[in-house]
Amino acid sequence: MRILSKPIEFEWDAGNTNKNLIKHKVSNKECEDVFTSNRFLLLKDQPHSSLENRYIVIGPTVSTKILKLIITLRDRRVRVISARPASRKERQFYEKTIKNPEI
């Protein structure tokens, strides 16, 4: 599912600027890298979309680290709510889906 071909900008505010770096050692640059790869998966996060639409993004950084992001879109800006390295199960799902996008 693609809802945004290319984000115009990212929204980093005081509440989420260094949160992922401190908690999961994932920098804001790495989060942005996932979108530049154009090899990311974008899935609706239905259980957490009651107040605003949230999406799960799984994809590689420039250094090929696979990340899992939780994002929302605000006026064509991507706001990263959470970012961490993908679990083994999530990486396997990513690899399987990228190789066979009809899944």
Protein backbone atom coordinates (compact mmCIF):
# COMPACT_ATOMS: atom_id res chain seq x y z
CA MET A 1 0.00 0.00 0.00
CA ARG A 2 1.50 3.34 -1.02
CA ILE A 3 -0.15 6.51 0.22
CA LEU A 4 2.77 8.84 -0.34
CA SER A 5 5.16 8.50 -3.24
CA LYS A 6 7.81 10.69 -1.66
CA PRO A 7 7.56 12.64 1.60
CA ILE A 8 8.06 16.35 1.24
CA GLU A 9 9.50 16.76 4.71
CA PHE A 10 9.78 15.18 8.12
CA GLU A 11 8.33 16.60 11.29
CA TRP A 12 10.72 16.41 14.24
CA ASP A 13 9.63 18.26 17.34
CA ALA A 14 11.08 18.56 20.83
CA GLY A 15 9.13 15.50 21.96
CA ASN A 16 10.57 13.13 19.37
CA THR A 17 13.91 14.60 18.27
CA ASN A 18 16.23 12.22 20.15
CA LYS A 19 13.76 9.74 21.63
CA ASN A 20 14.57 6.91 19.21
CA LEU A 21 18.31 7.51 19.40
CA ILE A 22 18.30 7.29 23.18
CA LYS A 23 15.91 4.36 23.45
CA HIS A 24 16.81 2.25 20.37
CA LYS A 25 20.01 3.79 18.95
CA VAL A 26 18.18 4.83 15.76
CA SER A 27 18.95 8.34 14.49
CA ASN A 28 16.54 10.66 12.72
CA LYS A 29 18.75 10.41 9.61
CA GLU A 30 18.34 6.62 9.59
CA CYS A 31 14.55 7.04 9.80
CA GLU A 32 14.63 9.37 6.81
CA ASP A 33 16.94 6.94 4.95
CA VAL A 34 14.20 4.30 4.98
CA PHE A 35 12.06 6.50 2.73
CA THR A 36 14.88 7.30 0.30
CA SER A 37 15.52 3.59 -0.32
CA ASN A 38 12.13 3.24 -2.03
CA ARG A 39 12.21 -0.41 -0.90
CA PHE A 40 10.05 0.03 2.17
CA LEU A 41 6.77 -1.59 3.13
CA LEU A 42 3.93 0.62 4.27
CA LEU A 43 1.10 -1.00 6.21
CA LYS A 44 -1.90 0.54 7.97
CA ASP A 45 -1.60 0.26 11.77
CA GLN A 46 -5.33 -0.26 12.26
CA PRO A 47 -5.30 -1.04 16.01
CA HIS A 48 -3.55 2.29 16.76
CA SER A 49 -5.40 4.52 14.29
CA SER A 50 -8.32 5.67 16.41
CA LEU A 51 -7.28 9.34 16.78
CA GLU A 52 -5.22 9.66 13.58
CA ASN A 53 -4.13 7.27 10.84
CA ARG A 54 -0.95 5.50 11.79
CA TYR A 55 1.22 3.37 9.56
CA ILE A 56 3.91 0.76 10.03
CA VAL A 57 6.94 1.20 7.79
CA ILE A 58 9.59 -1.50 7.48
CA GLY A 59 12.62 -0.87 5.32
CA PRO A 60 16.38 -0.52 5.02
CA THR A 61 18.62 2.39 5.88
CA VAL A 62 21.55 3.40 3.66
CA SER A 63 23.72 1.06 5.76
CA THR A 64 21.14 -1.75 5.10
CA LYS A 65 19.92 -1.91 8.69
CA ILE A 66 16.22 -2.90 8.60
CA LEU A 67 14.07 -0.60 10.74
CA LYS A 68 10.46 -0.66 11.87
CA LEU A 69 8.88 2.78 12.09
CA ILE A 70 5.48 3.86 13.32
CA ILE A 71 4.46 7.04 11.52
CA THR A 72 1.59 9.39 10.91
CA LEU A 73 1.13 11.89 8.10
CA ARG A 74 0.35 15.52 8.78
CA ASP A 75 -0.19 17.73 5.75
CA ARG A 76 2.25 15.65 3.64
CA ARG A 77 4.82 15.68 6.44
CA VAL A 78 5.98 12.41 7.90
CA ARG A 79 6.02 12.36 11.70
CA VAL A 80 7.92 9.41 13.13
CA ILE A 81 6.24 8.29 16.33
CA SER A 82 8.55 5.37 17.03
CA ALA A 83 11.59 3.77 15.38
CA ARG A 84 13.62 0.71 16.25
CA PRO A 85 15.57 -2.08 14.57
CA ALA A 86 13.15 -4.63 13.13
CA SER A 87 12.87 -7.91 15.02
CA ARG A 88 13.98 -11.14 13.35
CA LYS A 89 10.35 -11.99 12.58
CA GLU A 90 9.76 -8.51 11.09
CA ARG A 91 12.94 -8.76 8.97
CA GLN A 92 11.83 -12.16 7.67
CA PHE A 93 8.39 -10.74 6.82
CA TYR A 94 10.04 -7.80 5.06
CA GLU A 95 12.38 -9.99 2.98
CA LYS A 96 9.59 -12.38 2.03
CA THR A 97 7.22 -9.55 1.05
CA ILE A 98 9.80 -7.55 -0.92
CA LYS A 99 10.69 -10.66 -2.94
CA ASN A 100 7.04 -11.50 -3.54
CA PRO A 101 4.94 -8.29 -3.34
CA GLU A 102 1.69 -10.14 -4.04
CA ILE A 103 1.63 -11.58 -0.51
